[in-house]
């Protein structure tokens, strides 16, 4: 498992700043997010990584993050 930090990633759902861990198991990446921020109108807004809404967002941007890390 290795740590990652993405200072800015553009996705269809918005612009994010992310930190977490990635693990490759059987050629499939497993992501764990420790910090998720979204760009708001006044700057970065922290999202609760345990909240259902944030988990839904994470699932939707997961492939974008994997592509970015590849």
C-alpha atoms as a PDB file:
ATOM      1  CA  UNK A   1       0.000   0.000   0.000  1.00  0.00           C
ATOM      2  CA  UNK A   2       1.356   3.403  -0.921  1.00  0.00           C
ATOM      3  CA  UNK A   3       0.190   6.879  -0.026  1.00  0.00           C
ATOM      4  CA  UNK A   4      -0.923   9.419  -2.600  1.00  0.00           C
ATOM      5  CA  UNK A   5      -1.584  13.132  -2.578  1.00  0.00           C
ATOM      6  CA  UNK A   6      -3.300  14.906  -5.455  1.00  0.00           C
ATOM      7  CA  UNK A   7      -3.169  18.681  -5.153  1.00  0.00           C
ATOM      8  CA  UNK A   8      -5.784  19.244  -7.848  1.00  0.00           C
ATOM      9  CA  UNK A   9      -7.823  16.929 -10.068  1.00  0.00           C
ATOM     10  CA  UNK A  10     -10.595  18.019 -12.426  1.00  0.00           C
ATOM     11  CA  UNK A  11     -13.520  15.596 -12.664  1.00  0.00           C
ATOM     12  CA  UNK A  12     -17.060  15.799 -14.062  1.00  0.00           C
ATOM     13  CA  UNK A  13     -18.236  16.350 -10.455  1.00  0.00           C
ATOM     14  CA  UNK A  14     -15.858  19.210  -9.704  1.00  0.00           C
ATOM     15  CA  UNK A  15     -12.293  19.993  -8.725  1.00  0.00           C
ATOM     16  CA  UNK A  16     -10.872  17.964  -5.847  1.00  0.00           C
ATOM     17  CA  UNK A  17      -7.813  17.820  -3.598  1.00  0.00           C
ATOM     18  CA  UNK A  18      -7.273  14.290  -2.299  1.00  0.00           C
ATOM     19  CA  UNK A  19      -5.054  12.288   0.040  1.00  0.00           C
ATOM     20  CA  UNK A  20      -5.174   8.599   0.731  1.00  0.00           C
ATOM     21  CA  UNK A  21      -3.699   5.205   0.074  1.00  0.00           C
ATOM     22  CA  UNK A  22      -3.739   2.967  -2.971  1.00  0.00           C
ATOM     23  CA  UNK A  23      -3.152  -0.766  -3.076  1.00  0.00           C
ATOM     24  CA  UNK A  24      -2.910  -2.893  -6.196  1.00  0.00           C
ATOM     25  CA  UNK A  25      -4.414  -6.334  -5.691  1.00  0.00           C
ATOM     26  CA  UNK A  26      -4.668  -8.662  -8.686  1.00  0.00           C
ATOM     27  CA  UNK A  27      -4.271  -5.698 -11.083  1.00  0.00           C
ATOM     28  CA  UNK A  28      -7.161  -3.837  -9.465  1.00  0.00           C
ATOM     29  CA  UNK A  29      -6.571  -0.656  -7.483  1.00  0.00           C
ATOM     30  CA  UNK A  30      -8.168  -0.283  -4.059  1.00  0.00           C
ATOM     31  CA  UNK A  31      -8.364   3.310  -2.850  1.00  0.00           C
ATOM     32  CA  UNK A  32      -8.730   4.555   0.708  1.00  0.00           C
ATOM     33  CA  UNK A  33      -9.284   8.299   1.094  1.00  0.00           C
ATOM     34  CA  UNK A  34      -8.045  10.045   4.218  1.00  0.00           C
ATOM     35  CA  UNK A  35      -8.732  13.617   3.108  1.00  0.00           C
ATOM     36  CA  UNK A  36     -11.164  14.941   0.482  1.00  0.00           C
ATOM     37  CA  UNK A  37     -11.595  18.623  -0.382  1.00  0.00           C
ATOM     38  CA  UNK A  38     -13.755  20.094  -3.136  1.00  0.00           C
ATOM     39  CA  UNK A  39     -13.223  23.509  -4.690  1.00  0.00           C
ATOM     40  CA  UNK A  40     -16.024  25.794  -3.643  1.00  0.00           C
ATOM     41  CA  UNK A  41     -16.725  29.368  -4.699  1.00  0.00           C
ATOM     42  CA  UNK A  42     -14.501  30.694  -1.893  1.00  0.00           C
ATOM     43  CA  UNK A  43     -11.776  28.034  -1.933  1.00  0.00           C
ATOM     44  CA  UNK A  44     -11.321  24.491  -0.696  1.00  0.00           C
ATOM     45  CA  UNK A  45     -14.124  22.888   1.340  1.00  0.00           C
ATOM     46  CA  UNK A  46     -13.326  19.781   3.408  1.00  0.00           C
ATOM     47  CA  UNK A  47     -15.704  16.836   3.035  1.00  0.00           C
ATOM     48  CA  UNK A  48     -16.314  14.245   5.746  1.00  0.00           C
ATOM     49  CA  UNK A  49     -14.863  11.023   4.330  1.00  0.00           C
ATOM     50  CA  UNK A  50     -17.339   8.991   6.422  1.00  0.00           C
ATOM     51  CA  UNK A  51     -20.496  10.779   5.260  1.00  0.00           C
ATOM     52  CA  UNK A  52     -22.753   8.915   2.810  1.00  0.00           C
ATOM     53  CA  UNK A  53     -22.802  11.838   0.370  1.00  0.00           C
ATOM     54  CA  UNK A  54     -18.992  11.956   0.298  1.00  0.00           C
ATOM     55  CA  UNK A  55     -18.793   8.188  -0.177  1.00  0.00           C
ATOM     56  CA  UNK A  56     -21.118   8.493  -3.168  1.00  0.00           C
ATOM     57  CA  UNK A  57     -18.894  11.211  -4.661  1.00  0.00           C
ATOM     58  CA  UNK A  58     -15.775   9.122  -4.043  1.00  0.00           C
ATOM     59  CA  UNK A  59     -17.328   6.158  -5.831  1.00  0.00           C
ATOM     60  CA  UNK A  60     -18.210   8.335  -8.834  1.00  0.00           C
ATOM     61  CA  UNK A  61     -14.712   9.870  -9.166  1.00  0.00           C
ATOM     62  CA  UNK A  62     -12.793   6.684  -8.312  1.00  0.00           C
ATOM     63  CA  UNK A  63     -11.922   5.853 -11.936  1.00  0.00           C
ATOM     64  CA  UNK A  64     -10.737   9.437 -12.552  1.00  0.00           C
ATOM     65  CA  UNK A  65      -8.416   9.124  -9.554  1.00  0.00           C
ATOM     66  CA  UNK A  66      -7.095   5.724 -10.666  1.00  0.00           C
ATOM     67  CA  UNK A  67      -6.415   7.128 -14.149  1.00  0.00           C
ATOM     68  CA  UNK A  68      -4.624  10.109 -12.614  1.00  0.00           C
ATOM     69  CA  UNK A  69      -2.430   7.877 -10.453  1.00  0.00           C
ATOM     70  CA  UNK A  70      -1.530   5.551 -13.356  1.00  0.00           C
END
